[in-house]
Amino acid sequence: MQLPPEHCPMIGDTTVDILAGKRAGAQTVGLLCGFGTEGELRRAGTDIILSNLRELHELLFPQ
């Protein structure tokens, strides 16, 4: 796709996902509908935290 990493989101539900995204230079989205807790994802440095997949859909595809 030839996009720079900072224009790509890394979406995950664990600290490993968030840390991998950060190391790659991507924007990170932590989802609370999986394994990670809000505190863990915040400590990992996620850029945004969403509660569920509906919120993710609204973020990616605003009306």
C-alpha atoms as a PDB file:
ATOM      1  CA  MET A   1       0.000   0.000   0.000  1.00  0.00           C
ATOM      2  CA  GLN A   2       3.078   2.204   0.280  1.00  0.00           C
ATOM      3  CA  LEU A   3       1.772   4.175   3.253  1.00  0.00           C
ATOM      4  CA  PRO A   4       4.050   5.488   5.971  1.00  0.00           C
ATOM      5  CA  PRO A   5       3.529   3.704   9.322  1.00  0.00           C
ATOM      6  CA  GLU A   6       2.175   6.828  11.008  1.00  0.00           C
ATOM      7  CA  HIS A   7      -0.787   6.706   8.606  1.00  0.00           C
ATOM      8  CA  CYS A   8      -1.644   3.125   9.550  1.00  0.00           C
ATOM      9  CA  PRO A   9      -3.543   2.050  12.650  1.00  0.00           C
ATOM     10  CA  MET A  10      -2.501  -0.947  14.718  1.00  0.00           C
ATOM     11  CA  ILE A  11      -5.601  -2.307  16.401  1.00  0.00           C
ATOM     12  CA  GLY A  12      -5.232  -4.707  19.288  1.00  0.00           C
ATOM     13  CA  ASP A  13      -6.486  -5.845  22.645  1.00  0.00           C
ATOM     14  CA  THR A  14      -3.206  -6.628  24.443  1.00  0.00           C
ATOM     15  CA  THR A  15      -0.121  -4.719  25.486  1.00  0.00           C
ATOM     16  CA  VAL A  16       1.921  -6.785  23.014  1.00  0.00           C
ATOM     17  CA  ASP A  17      -0.270  -5.469  20.173  1.00  0.00           C
ATOM     18  CA  ILE A  18       0.112  -1.874  21.315  1.00  0.00           C
ATOM     19  CA  LEU A  19       3.858  -2.122  21.852  1.00  0.00           C
ATOM     20  CA  ALA A  20       4.339  -3.696  18.418  1.00  0.00           C
ATOM     21  CA  GLY A  21       2.344  -0.901  16.819  1.00  0.00           C
ATOM     22  CA  LYS A  22       4.322   1.758  18.674  1.00  0.00           C
ATOM     23  CA  ARG A  23       7.632   0.188  17.667  1.00  0.00           C
ATOM     24  CA  ALA A  24       6.489   0.157  14.047  1.00  0.00           C
ATOM     25  CA  GLY A  25       5.550   3.842  14.265  1.00  0.00           C
ATOM     26  CA  ALA A  26       1.831   3.224  13.752  1.00  0.00           C
ATOM     27  CA  GLN A  27      -1.117   4.873  15.451  1.00  0.00           C
ATOM     28  CA  THR A  28      -2.452   2.470  18.071  1.00  0.00           C
ATOM     29  CA  VAL A  29      -6.029   1.632  19.000  1.00  0.00           C
ATOM     30  CA  GLY A  30      -6.660  -0.436  22.102  1.00  0.00           C
ATOM     31  CA  LEU A  31      -9.884  -2.453  22.179  1.00  0.00           C
ATOM     32  CA  LEU A  32     -11.429  -3.385  25.518  1.00  0.00           C
ATOM     33  CA  CYS A  33     -13.505  -6.237  24.119  1.00  0.00           C
ATOM     34  CA  GLY A  34     -10.590  -8.677  24.288  1.00  0.00           C
ATOM     35  CA  PHE A  35      -7.921  -9.665  26.791  1.00  0.00           C
ATOM     36  CA  GLY A  36      -6.272  -6.401  27.864  1.00  0.00           C
ATOM     37  CA  THR A  37      -7.519  -4.041  30.540  1.00  0.00           C
ATOM     38  CA  GLU A  38      -7.812  -0.288  30.136  1.00  0.00           C
ATOM     39  CA  GLY A  39      -4.968   0.308  32.580  1.00  0.00           C
ATOM     40  CA  GLU A  40      -2.645  -2.099  30.781  1.00  0.00           C
ATOM     41  CA  LEU A  41      -3.372  -0.575  27.397  1.00  0.00           C
ATOM     42  CA  ARG A  42      -2.873   2.970  28.721  1.00  0.00           C
ATOM     43  CA  ARG A  43       0.445   2.034  30.330  1.00  0.00           C
ATOM     44  CA  ALA A  44       1.543   0.520  26.991  1.00  0.00           C
ATOM     45  CA  GLY A  45       0.938   3.957  25.436  1.00  0.00           C
ATOM     46  CA  THR A  46      -2.059   3.369  23.188  1.00  0.00           C
ATOM     47  CA  ASP A  47      -3.224   6.457  21.325  1.00  0.00           C
ATOM     48  CA  ILE A  48      -6.921   5.736  21.766  1.00  0.00           C
ATOM     49  CA  ILE A  49      -9.018   3.214  23.676  1.00  0.00           C
ATOM     50  CA  LEU A  50     -12.353   1.942  22.414  1.00  0.00           C
ATOM     51  CA  SER A  51     -14.854  -0.207  24.273  1.00  0.00           C
ATOM     52  CA  ASN A  52     -16.071  -2.350  21.399  1.00  0.00           C
ATOM     53  CA  LEU A  53     -16.008  -3.051  17.685  1.00  0.00           C
ATOM     54  CA  ARG A  54     -18.953  -0.739  17.032  1.00  0.00           C
ATOM     55  CA  GLU A  55     -16.885   2.212  18.277  1.00  0.00           C
ATOM     56  CA  LEU A  56     -14.047   1.087  16.021  1.00  0.00           C
ATOM     57  CA  HIS A  57     -16.382   0.977  13.027  1.00  0.00           C
ATOM     58  CA  GLU A  58     -17.650   4.480  13.828  1.00  0.00           C
ATOM     59  CA  LEU A  59     -14.089   5.760  14.119  1.00  0.00           C
ATOM     60  CA  LEU A  60     -12.987   4.246  10.818  1.00  0.00           C
ATOM     61  CA  PHE A  61     -16.207   4.936   8.900  1.00  0.00           C
ATOM     62  CA  PRO A  62     -17.845   8.095  10.267  1.00  0.00           C
ATOM     63  CA  GLN A  63     -21.326   8.826   8.960  1.00  0.00           C
END
